[in-house]
Amino acid sequence: MSTGSSGAAAGKPGVPSGKSTGNGDNAKGVIMHTNVGDIVIALYRDQTPKTCRNFATLAATGKYDNVIFHRIIAGFMIQGGDPTGTGRGGSSIYGAKFEDEIVPSLVHKDKGTLSMANSGPNTNGSQFFITLGATPHLNGKHTVFGHVAEGMDVVDKLGAVKTDSNDRPLSPVCIEYCEVF
């Protein structure tokens, strides 16, 4: 599977790239249809409006269609959102990177927390991760902007896939398309 390409998702006919729908501007949530099942994300748009708009707009415009979860660490997190599939790519809707929206009350205390992946302060692009447990060491370093409202069983399945020594899944797991609501 080539990431970020058009055509059927994960080789499945009937799941075309560009099927994603919705408007990112005032989104309350996103349904990620993966090749393992559906994950419903509730967004914290009042607390982190810029981050939520970025994520929802990327989802609504098909930027996450057919994109793999390129890094999975059991008991820690699943990471996706890089159209190159390498962990080094992806841009925001604001340009290459945008600033953090750290809210002290939004912390990595639970399984199912949605946060922006970054390479340091104010380096948010398109990559995100969902926690598989409490990760308090990430507080103040990554913008928390939502949580899994439904489909934690799917997140758990993703978190249990076999990976190589670089935490890359041995068999591709991907977002087929998204619905923004």
N, C-alpha and C. Protein backbone atom coordinates (compact mmCIF):
# COMPACT_ATOMS: atom_id res chain seq x y z
N MET A 1 0.84 -1.18 0.00
CA MET A 1 0.00 0.00 0.00
C MET A 1 0.88 1.23 0.00
N SER A 2 0.63 2.16 -0.87
CA SER A 2 1.36 3.42 -0.84
C SER A 2 0.53 4.44 -0.09
N THR A 3 1.14 5.11 0.87
CA THR A 3 0.40 6.05 1.69
C THR A 3 0.11 7.33 0.94
N GLY A 4 -1.04 7.92 1.26
CA GLY A 4 -1.41 9.19 0.67
C GLY A 4 -1.78 9.11 -0.81
N SER A 5 -1.98 7.91 -1.35
CA SER A 5 -2.29 7.79 -2.76
C SER A 5 -3.80 7.72 -2.96
N SER A 6 -4.21 7.88 -4.20
CA SER A 6 -5.61 7.72 -4.50
C SER A 6 -5.86 6.26 -4.84
N GLY A 7 -7.13 5.89 -4.88
CA GLY A 7 -7.47 4.52 -5.19
C GLY A 7 -8.07 3.86 -3.98
N ALA A 8 -8.26 2.56 -4.07
CA ALA A 8 -8.91 1.84 -2.99
C ALA A 8 -8.02 1.79 -1.76
N ALA A 9 -8.64 1.92 -0.60
CA ALA A 9 -7.91 1.89 0.66
C ALA A 9 -7.49 0.47 0.96
N ALA A 10 -6.23 0.29 1.29
CA ALA A 10 -5.68 -1.00 1.68
C ALA A 10 -6.08 -2.10 0.70
N GLY A 11 -6.22 -1.75 -0.58
CA GLY A 11 -6.55 -2.74 -1.59
C GLY A 11 -8.00 -3.18 -1.56
N LYS A 12 -8.86 -2.49 -0.84
CA LYS A 12 -10.26 -2.87 -0.74
C LYS A 12 -11.07 -2.11 -1.78
N PRO A 13 -11.71 -2.82 -2.71
CA PRO A 13 -12.53 -2.12 -3.68
C PRO A 13 -13.72 -1.46 -2.99
N GLY A 14 -14.17 -0.36 -3.54
CA GLY A 14 -15.34 0.31 -2.99
C GLY A 14 -15.03 1.30 -1.89
N VAL A 15 -13.77 1.47 -1.53
CA VAL A 15 -13.39 2.46 -0.52
C VAL A 15 -12.42 3.44 -1.19
N PRO A 16 -12.97 4.35 -2.00
CA PRO A 16 -12.10 5.25 -2.74
C PRO A 16 -11.51 6.35 -1.88
N SER A 17 -10.33 6.80 -2.27
CA SER A 17 -9.76 7.99 -1.65
C SER A 17 -10.67 9.16 -2.00
N GLY A 18 -10.78 10.13 -1.11
CA GLY A 18 -11.65 11.26 -1.37
C GLY A 18 -13.05 11.06 -0.86
N LYS A 19 -13.33 9.99 -0.14
CA LYS A 19 -14.65 9.73 0.40
C LYS A 19 -14.90 10.53 1.68
N SER A 20 -13.87 11.07 2.26
CA SER A 20 -14.02 11.83 3.50
C SER A 20 -14.96 13.00 3.31
N THR A 21 -15.72 13.30 4.38
CA THR A 21 -16.73 14.34 4.30
C THR A 21 -16.71 15.22 5.53
N GLY A 22 -17.38 16.37 5.42
CA GLY A 22 -17.57 17.25 6.56
C GLY A 22 -16.84 18.57 6.40
N ASN A 23 -16.96 19.39 7.43
CA ASN A 23 -16.34 20.71 7.47
C ASN A 23 -15.53 20.81 8.75
N GLY A 24 -14.27 21.18 8.63
CA GLY A 24 -13.40 21.23 9.79
C GLY A 24 -13.55 22.45 10.66
N ASP A 25 -14.22 23.49 10.16
CA ASP A 25 -14.25 24.75 10.89
C ASP A 25 -14.92 24.68 12.26
N ASN A 26 -16.06 24.05 12.37
CA ASN A 26 -16.78 23.98 13.65
C ASN A 26 -17.07 22.55 14.06
N ALA A 27 -16.17 21.66 13.73
CA ALA A 27 -16.39 20.24 13.98
C ALA A 27 -16.44 19.92 15.47
N LYS A 28 -17.35 19.01 15.81
CA LYS A 28 -17.44 18.49 17.17
C LYS A 28 -16.69 17.17 17.29
N GLY A 29 -16.53 16.49 16.15
CA GLY A 29 -15.86 15.21 16.20
C GLY A 29 -15.54 14.66 14.82
N VAL A 30 -14.87 13.52 14.83
CA VAL A 30 -14.45 12.85 13.60
C VAL A 30 -14.64 11.35 13.79
N ILE A 31 -15.20 10.70 12.77
CA ILE A 31 -15.25 9.24 12.74
C ILE A 31 -14.14 8.79 11.80
N MET A 32 -13.18 8.06 12.34
CA MET A 32 -12.11 7.48 11.52
C MET A 32 -12.52 6.05 11.18
N HIS A 33 -12.72 5.80 9.90
CA HIS A 33 -13.03 4.45 9.43
C HIS A 33 -11.69 3.80 9.10
N THR A 34 -11.27 2.84 9.92
CA THR A 34 -9.99 2.16 9.70
C THR A 34 -10.25 0.79 9.11
N ASN A 35 -9.20 0.12 8.68
CA ASN A 35 -9.35 -1.24 8.16
C ASN A 35 -9.52 -2.26 9.29
N VAL A 36 -9.58 -1.79 10.54
CA VAL A 36 -9.82 -2.65 11.70
C VAL A 36 -11.20 -2.37 12.29
N GLY A 37 -11.76 -1.20 12.03
CA GLY A 37 -13.05 -0.79 12.58
C GLY A 37 -13.11 0.73 12.71
N ASP A 38 -14.20 1.21 13.28
CA ASP A 38 -14.42 2.65 13.38
C ASP A 38 -14.05 3.20 14.75
N ILE A 39 -13.48 4.41 14.74
CA ILE A 39 -13.12 5.12 15.96
C ILE A 39 -13.81 6.48 15.91
N VAL A 40 -14.63 6.77 16.93
CA VAL A 40 -15.30 8.06 17.01
C VAL A 40 -14.52 8.94 17.98
N ILE A 41 -14.09 10.10 17.48
CA ILE A 41 -13.30 11.05 18.25
C ILE A 41 -14.16 12.25 18.62
N ALA A 42 -14.19 12.61 19.89
CA ALA A 42 -14.80 13.86 20.34
C ALA A 42 -13.69 14.89 20.48
N LEU A 43 -13.90 16.07 19.90
CA LEU A 43 -12.88 17.12 19.90
C LEU A 43 -13.13 18.15 20.99
N TYR A 44 -12.06 18.68 21.55
CA TYR A 44 -12.12 19.74 22.56
C TYR A 44 -11.98 21.10 21.86
N ARG A 45 -12.94 21.40 21.00
CA ARG A 45 -12.81 22.59 20.15
C ARG A 45 -12.85 23.91 20.91
N ASP A 46 -13.53 23.94 22.07
CA ASP A 46 -13.57 25.18 22.86
C ASP A 46 -12.22 25.48 23.50
N GLN A 47 -11.49 24.44 23.93
CA GLN A 47 -10.21 24.63 24.59
C GLN A 47 -9.03 24.70 23.62
N THR A 48 -9.12 23.96 22.53
CA THR A 48 -8.00 23.89 21.57
C THR A 48 -8.53 24.10 20.14
N PRO A 49 -9.06 25.28 19.85
CA PRO A 49 -9.73 25.50 18.56
C PRO A 49 -8.82 25.38 17.34
N LYS A 50 -7.61 25.86 17.43
CA LYS A 50 -6.72 25.83 16.27
C LYS A 50 -6.32 24.39 15.94
N THR A 51 -6.02 23.61 16.97
CA THR A 51 -5.63 22.21 16.77
C THR A 51 -6.80 21.40 16.24
N CYS A 52 -7.98 21.61 16.81
CA CYS A 52 -9.17 20.89 16.35
C CYS A 52 -9.51 21.24 14.90
N ARG A 53 -9.40 22.50 14.55
CA ARG A 53 -9.67 22.91 13.17
C ARG A 53 -8.67 22.25 12.22
N ASN A 54 -7.40 22.20 12.59
CA ASN A 54 -6.38 21.55 11.78
C ASN A 54 -6.73 20.08 11.55
N PHE A 55 -6.97 19.34 12.63
CA PHE A 55 -7.26 17.91 12.55
C PHE A 55 -8.52 17.65 11.73
N ALA A 56 -9.60 18.37 12.05
CA ALA A 56 -10.88 18.14 11.38
C ALA A 56 -10.83 18.53 9.90
N THR A 57 -10.13 19.60 9.57
CA THR A 57 -10.01 20.01 8.18
C THR A 57 -9.18 19.01 7.38
N LEU A 58 -8.08 18.53 7.96
CA LEU A 58 -7.29 17.50 7.29
C LEU A 58 -8.14 16.25 7.07
N ALA A 59 -8.94 15.88 8.07
CA ALA A 59 -9.81 14.71 7.95
C ALA A 59 -10.88 14.93 6.89
N ALA A 60 -11.53 16.08 6.90
CA ALA A 60 -12.63 16.37 5.98
C ALA A 60 -12.18 16.47 4.53
N THR A 61 -10.96 16.90 4.32
CA THR A 61 -10.46 17.09 2.95
C THR A 61 -9.69 15.87 2.41
N GLY A 62 -9.76 14.76 3.13
CA GLY A 62 -9.16 13.53 2.63
C GLY A 62 -7.68 13.37 2.86
N LYS A 63 -7.07 14.25 3.64
CA LYS A 63 -5.62 14.17 3.87
C LYS A 63 -5.22 12.94 4.70
N TYR A 64 -6.18 12.37 5.44
CA TYR A 64 -5.90 11.16 6.21
C TYR A 64 -6.37 9.90 5.50
N ASP A 65 -7.00 10.03 4.34
CA ASP A 65 -7.49 8.87 3.60
C ASP A 65 -6.31 7.96 3.22
N ASN A 66 -6.45 6.68 3.53
CA ASN A 66 -5.45 5.66 3.19
C ASN A 66 -4.10 5.87 3.86
N VAL A 67 -4.07 6.63 4.95
CA VAL A 67 -2.83 6.89 5.68
C VAL A 67 -2.68 5.84 6.78
N ILE A 68 -1.50 5.26 6.88
CA ILE A 68 -1.26 4.19 7.85
C ILE A 68 -1.00 4.75 9.26
N PHE A 69 -1.21 3.87 10.23
CA PHE A 69 -0.69 4.11 11.58
C PHE A 69 0.73 3.58 11.52
N HIS A 70 1.69 4.48 11.46
CA HIS A 70 3.08 4.11 11.18
C HIS A 70 3.87 3.72 12.43
N ARG A 71 3.34 4.01 13.61
CA ARG A 71 4.07 3.70 14.85
C ARG A 71 3.08 3.25 15.91
N ILE A 72 3.30 2.06 16.42
CA ILE A 72 2.43 1.50 17.46
C ILE A 72 3.30 0.90 18.55
N ILE A 73 3.07 1.36 19.77
CA ILE A 73 3.81 0.83 20.92
C ILE A 73 2.78 0.31 21.91
N ALA A 74 2.74 -1.00 22.09
CA ALA A 74 1.76 -1.64 22.98
C ALA A 74 1.80 -1.01 24.37
N GLY A 75 0.63 -0.71 24.90
CA GLY A 75 0.52 -0.13 26.23
C GLY A 75 0.82 1.35 26.30
N PHE A 76 1.26 1.95 25.19
CA PHE A 76 1.63 3.36 25.17
C PHE A 76 0.75 4.17 24.22
N MET A 77 0.88 3.94 22.89
CA MET A 77 0.10 4.74 21.95
C MET A 77 0.14 4.17 20.54
N ILE A 78 -0.84 4.65 19.72
CA ILE A 78 -0.83 4.41 18.28
C ILE A 78 -0.68 5.78 17.62
N GLN A 79 0.16 5.86 16.60
CA GLN A 79 0.45 7.15 15.95
C GLN A 79 0.18 7.07 14.46
N GLY A 80 -0.46 8.11 13.93
CA GLY A 80 -0.76 8.18 12.51
C GLY A 80 -0.78 9.62 12.04
N GLY A 81 -1.31 9.81 10.84
CA GLY A 81 -1.46 11.15 10.30
C GLY A 81 -0.34 11.64 9.42
N ASP A 82 0.65 10.80 9.16
CA ASP A 82 1.76 11.18 8.28
C ASP A 82 1.49 10.64 6.89
N PRO A 83 1.21 11.51 5.91
CA PRO A 83 0.91 11.01 4.57
C PRO A 83 2.07 10.26 3.90
N THR A 84 3.29 10.45 4.38
CA THR A 84 4.42 9.71 3.81
C THR A 84 4.57 8.33 4.44
N GLY A 85 3.94 8.12 5.59
CA GLY A 85 4.05 6.84 6.29
C GLY A 85 5.37 6.60 6.97
N THR A 86 6.23 7.60 7.04
CA THR A 86 7.57 7.44 7.59
C THR A 86 7.71 7.93 9.03
N GLY A 87 6.78 8.79 9.47
CA GLY A 87 6.92 9.43 10.77
C GLY A 87 7.66 10.75 10.67
N ARG A 88 8.06 11.14 9.47
CA ARG A 88 8.80 12.39 9.28
C ARG A 88 8.05 13.40 8.42
N GLY A 89 6.83 13.07 7.98
CA GLY A 89 6.11 13.94 7.07
C GLY A 89 4.84 14.53 7.65
N GLY A 90 4.19 15.32 6.83
CA GLY A 90 2.90 15.90 7.17
C GLY A 90 2.97 17.37 7.52
N SER A 91 2.05 18.12 6.95
CA SER A 91 1.95 19.56 7.22
C SER A 91 0.58 19.88 7.78
N SER A 92 0.50 21.02 8.45
CA SER A 92 -0.77 21.48 8.98
C SER A 92 -1.50 22.29 7.91
N ILE A 93 -2.74 22.68 8.20
CA ILE A 93 -3.49 23.53 7.29
C ILE A 93 -2.99 24.97 7.34
N TYR A 94 -2.14 25.27 8.33
CA TYR A 94 -1.61 26.63 8.52
C TYR A 94 -0.24 26.81 7.87
N GLY A 95 0.24 25.81 7.20
CA GLY A 95 1.60 25.82 6.66
C GLY A 95 2.31 24.59 7.19
N ALA A 96 3.60 24.62 7.26
CA ALA A 96 4.34 23.45 7.71
C ALA A 96 3.98 23.05 9.14
N LYS A 97 4.14 23.96 10.08
CA LYS A 97 3.93 23.67 11.51
C LYS A 97 3.12 24.78 12.16
N PHE A 98 2.55 24.48 13.33
CA PHE A 98 1.86 25.51 14.09
C PHE A 98 2.10 25.30 15.58
N GLU A 99 1.77 26.34 16.36
CA GLU A 99 2.11 26.37 17.78
C GLU A 99 1.23 25.44 18.61
N ASP A 100 1.77 25.06 19.76
CA ASP A 100 1.05 24.23 20.73
C ASP A 100 -0.12 25.01 21.32
N GLU A 101 -1.14 24.27 21.75
CA GLU A 101 -2.25 24.82 22.53
C GLU A 101 -2.33 23.99 23.82
N ILE A 102 -1.37 24.16 24.67
CA ILE A 102 -1.31 23.41 25.92
C ILE A 102 -2.32 24.01 26.90
N VAL A 103 -3.25 23.17 27.36
CA VAL A 103 -4.26 23.57 28.34
C VAL A 103 -3.99 22.74 29.59
N PRO A 104 -3.64 23.37 30.72
CA PRO A 104 -3.26 22.62 31.91
C PRO A 104 -4.28 21.58 32.38
N SER A 105 -5.56 21.81 32.14
CA SER A 105 -6.57 20.85 32.58
C SER A 105 -6.74 19.67 31.62
N LEU A 106 -6.19 19.75 30.42
CA LEU A 106 -6.26 18.66 29.45
C LEU A 106 -4.95 17.88 29.52
N VAL A 107 -5.03 16.70 30.13
CA VAL A 107 -3.82 15.91 30.39
C VAL A 107 -3.97 14.49 29.86
N HIS A 108 -2.87 13.80 29.81
CA HIS A 108 -2.80 12.41 29.33
C HIS A 108 -3.05 11.45 30.48
N LYS A 109 -4.24 11.53 31.08
CA LYS A 109 -4.51 10.71 32.26
C LYS A 109 -5.21 9.40 31.95
N ASP A 110 -5.77 9.29 30.75
CA ASP A 110 -6.57 8.12 30.43
C ASP A 110 -6.18 7.49 29.10
N LYS A 111 -6.55 6.24 28.96
CA LYS A 111 -6.51 5.55 27.68
C LYS A 111 -7.50 6.27 26.76
N GLY A 112 -7.13 6.46 25.50
CA GLY A 112 -8.03 7.08 24.54
C GLY A 112 -7.86 8.57 24.37
N THR A 113 -6.82 9.15 24.97
CA THR A 113 -6.55 10.58 24.81
C THR A 113 -5.95 10.83 23.42
N LEU A 114 -6.46 11.86 22.73
CA LEU A 114 -5.97 12.24 21.41
C LEU A 114 -5.07 13.46 21.54
N SER A 115 -3.84 13.36 21.04
CA SER A 115 -2.85 14.44 21.13
C SER A 115 -2.11 14.60 19.81
N MET A 116 -1.49 15.76 19.67
CA MET A 116 -0.65 16.01 18.51
C MET A 116 0.75 15.44 18.75
N ALA A 117 1.26 14.73 17.75
CA ALA A 117 2.66 14.30 17.78
C ALA A 117 3.50 15.50 17.34
N ASN A 118 4.68 15.62 17.89
CA ASN A 118 5.55 16.73 17.51
C ASN A 118 7.01 16.35 17.70
N SER A 119 7.89 17.23 17.24
CA SER A 119 9.33 17.00 17.40
C SER A 119 9.93 18.04 18.34
N GLY A 120 9.08 18.67 19.13
CA GLY A 120 9.50 19.71 20.07
C GLY A 120 8.43 20.78 20.14
N PRO A 121 8.66 21.80 20.95
CA PRO A 121 7.66 22.86 21.10
C PRO A 121 7.28 23.51 19.76
N ASN A 122 5.97 23.70 19.59
CA ASN A 122 5.43 24.44 18.44
C ASN A 122 5.79 23.84 17.09
N THR A 123 5.79 22.51 17.00
CA THR A 123 6.10 21.82 15.75
C THR A 123 4.97 20.88 15.32
N ASN A 124 3.73 21.27 15.56
CA ASN A 124 2.58 20.45 15.19
C ASN A 124 2.34 20.52 13.69
N GLY A 125 2.05 19.38 13.09
CA GLY A 125 1.75 19.31 11.66
C GLY A 125 0.45 18.56 11.46
N SER A 126 0.54 17.34 10.93
CA SER A 126 -0.64 16.51 10.70
C SER A 126 -0.66 15.26 11.57
N GLN A 127 0.47 14.91 12.18
CA GLN A 127 0.54 13.67 12.94
C GLN A 127 -0.10 13.79 14.32
N PHE A 128 -0.73 12.70 14.73
CA PHE A 128 -1.43 12.64 16.00
C PHE A 128 -1.20 11.27 16.62
N PHE A 129 -1.55 11.13 17.89
CA PHE A 129 -1.51 9.82 18.53
C PHE A 129 -2.67 9.67 19.49
N ILE A 130 -3.03 8.42 19.75
CA ILE A 130 -4.06 8.06 20.72
C ILE A 130 -3.39 7.19 21.76
N THR A 131 -3.56 7.56 23.03
CA THR A 131 -2.89 6.82 24.10
C THR A 131 -3.58 5.49 24.38
N LEU A 132 -2.79 4.53 24.83
CA LEU A 132 -3.29 3.21 25.23
C LEU A 132 -3.26 3.05 26.74
N GLY A 133 -2.98 4.12 27.45
CA GLY A 133 -2.93 4.14 28.91
C GLY A 133 -2.57 5.54 29.35
N ALA A 134 -2.49 5.74 30.64
CA ALA A 134 -2.08 7.04 31.18
C ALA A 134 -0.63 7.31 30.79
N THR A 135 -0.35 8.52 30.35
CA THR A 135 1.01 8.91 29.94
C THR A 135 1.32 10.31 30.47
N PRO A 136 1.37 10.46 31.80
CA PRO A 136 1.55 11.80 32.38
C PRO A 136 2.87 12.48 32.01
N HIS A 137 3.87 11.71 31.60
CA HIS A 137 5.15 12.32 31.20
C HIS A 137 5.02 13.17 29.94
N LEU A 138 3.89 13.05 29.22
CA LEU A 138 3.66 13.85 28.01
C LEU A 138 2.94 15.17 28.29
N ASN A 139 2.44 15.33 29.52
CA ASN A 139 1.72 16.56 29.86
C ASN A 139 2.61 17.78 29.68
N GLY A 140 2.04 18.82 29.06
CA GLY A 140 2.78 20.05 28.82
C GLY A 140 3.71 20.00 27.62
N LYS A 141 3.81 18.82 26.99
CA LYS A 141 4.69 18.65 25.82
C LYS A 141 3.92 18.43 24.53
N HIS A 142 2.71 17.91 24.64
CA HIS A 142 1.87 17.59 23.48
C HIS A 142 0.48 18.15 23.71
N THR A 143 -0.10 18.75 22.69
CA THR A 143 -1.45 19.31 22.78
C THR A 143 -2.49 18.21 22.81
N VAL A 144 -3.22 18.10 23.92
CA VAL A 144 -4.37 17.20 24.02
C VAL A 144 -5.54 17.95 23.40
N PHE A 145 -6.21 17.31 22.42
CA PHE A 145 -7.31 18.02 21.76
C PHE A 145 -8.56 17.18 21.54
N GLY A 146 -8.61 16.00 22.13
CA GLY A 146 -9.81 15.17 22.02
C GLY A 146 -9.64 13.85 22.72
N HIS A 147 -10.69 13.01 22.60
CA HIS A 147 -10.63 11.67 23.19
C HIS A 147 -11.49 10.72 22.37
N VAL A 148 -11.25 9.44 22.54
CA VAL A 148 -12.04 8.41 21.88
C VAL A 148 -13.37 8.31 22.61
N ALA A 149 -14.46 8.62 21.91
CA ALA A 149 -15.80 8.55 22.48
C ALA A 149 -16.42 7.17 22.26
N GLU A 150 -16.10 6.55 21.14
CA GLU A 150 -16.55 5.19 20.82
C GLU A 150 -15.45 4.51 20.00
N GLY A 151 -15.37 3.19 20.15
CA GLY A 151 -14.40 2.45 19.36
C GLY A 151 -13.08 2.20 20.05
N MET A 152 -13.08 2.27 21.39
CA MET A 152 -11.82 1.98 22.09
C MET A 152 -11.39 0.54 21.85
N ASP A 153 -12.35 -0.35 21.58
CA ASP A 153 -12.00 -1.73 21.25
C ASP A 153 -11.18 -1.78 19.96
N VAL A 154 -11.47 -0.89 19.03
CA VAL A 154 -10.70 -0.81 17.78
C VAL A 154 -9.30 -0.28 18.07
N VAL A 155 -9.22 0.74 18.91
CA VAL A 155 -7.91 1.28 19.30
C VAL A 155 -7.09 0.19 19.98
N ASP A 156 -7.73 -0.60 20.85
CA ASP A 156 -7.03 -1.71 21.52
C ASP A 156 -6.52 -2.73 20.50
N LYS A 157 -7.33 -3.04 19.49
CA LYS A 157 -6.89 -3.96 18.44
C LYS A 157 -5.68 -3.40 17.69
N LEU A 158 -5.74 -2.11 17.38
CA LEU A 158 -4.59 -1.47 16.72
C LEU A 158 -3.36 -1.52 17.60
N GLY A 159 -3.55 -1.29 18.89
CA GLY A 159 -2.44 -1.30 19.84
C GLY A 159 -1.82 -2.67 20.04
N ALA A 160 -2.53 -3.72 19.61
CA ALA A 160 -2.05 -5.08 19.80
C ALA A 160 -1.44 -5.70 18.54
N VAL A 161 -1.38 -4.95 17.44
CA VAL A 161 -0.81 -5.53 16.22
C VAL A 161 0.69 -5.79 16.40
N LYS A 162 1.16 -6.78 15.70
CA LYS A 162 2.59 -7.10 15.76
C LYS A 162 3.38 -6.02 15.02
N THR A 163 4.51 -5.64 15.62
CA THR A 163 5.35 -4.59 15.05
C THR A 163 6.79 -5.08 14.93
N ASP A 164 7.57 -4.34 14.15
CA ASP A 164 8.99 -4.66 14.04
C ASP A 164 9.77 -3.93 15.14
N SER A 165 11.09 -3.98 15.07
CA SER A 165 11.92 -3.36 16.10
C SER A 165 11.85 -1.83 16.10
N ASN A 166 11.27 -1.25 15.05
CA ASN A 166 11.08 0.20 14.98
C ASN A 166 9.65 0.61 15.31
N ASP A 167 8.87 -0.29 15.89
CA ASP A 167 7.48 -0.06 16.28
C ASP A 167 6.55 0.14 15.08
N ARG A 168 6.97 -0.31 13.92
CA ARG A 168 6.17 -0.21 12.71
C ARG A 168 5.36 -1.50 12.54
N PRO A 169 4.04 -1.39 12.30
CA PRO A 169 3.23 -2.60 12.12
C PRO A 169 3.75 -3.48 10.98
N LEU A 170 3.75 -4.80 11.22
CA LEU A 170 4.20 -5.74 10.20
C LEU A 170 3.21 -5.82 9.05
N SER A 171 1.92 -5.67 9.36
CA SER A 171 0.87 -5.59 8.34
C SER A 171 0.25 -4.21 8.44
N PRO A 172 0.06 -3.53 7.31
CA PRO A 172 -0.46 -2.15 7.36
C PRO A 172 -1.84 -2.05 8.01
N VAL A 173 -1.96 -1.10 8.91
CA VAL A 173 -3.26 -0.72 9.48
C VAL A 173 -3.44 0.75 9.12
N CYS A 174 -4.61 1.10 8.60
CA CYS A 174 -4.76 2.45 8.07
C CYS A 174 -6.13 3.06 8.32
N ILE A 175 -6.16 4.36 8.17
CA ILE A 175 -7.41 5.11 8.13
C ILE A 175 -7.88 5.03 6.68
N GLU A 176 -9.03 4.44 6.44
CA GLU A 176 -9.54 4.37 5.08
C GLU A 176 -10.12 5.71 4.65
N TYR A 177 -10.95 6.29 5.52
CA TYR A 177 -11.50 7.62 5.28
C TYR A 177 -12.11 8.14 6.57
N CYS A 178 -12.49 9.41 6.59
CA CYS A 178 -13.03 10.05 7.79
C CYS A 178 -14.35 10.75 7.50
N GLU A 179 -15.18 10.84 8.52
CA GLU A 179 -16.39 11.66 8.47
C GLU A 179 -16.27 12.68 9.60
N VAL A 180 -16.46 13.93 9.27
CA VAL A 180 -16.38 15.01 10.26
C VAL A 180 -17.80 15.45 10.57
N PHE A 181 -18.10 15.62 11.87
CA PHE A 181 -19.46 16.05 12.25
C PHE A 181 -19.39 17.17 13.27
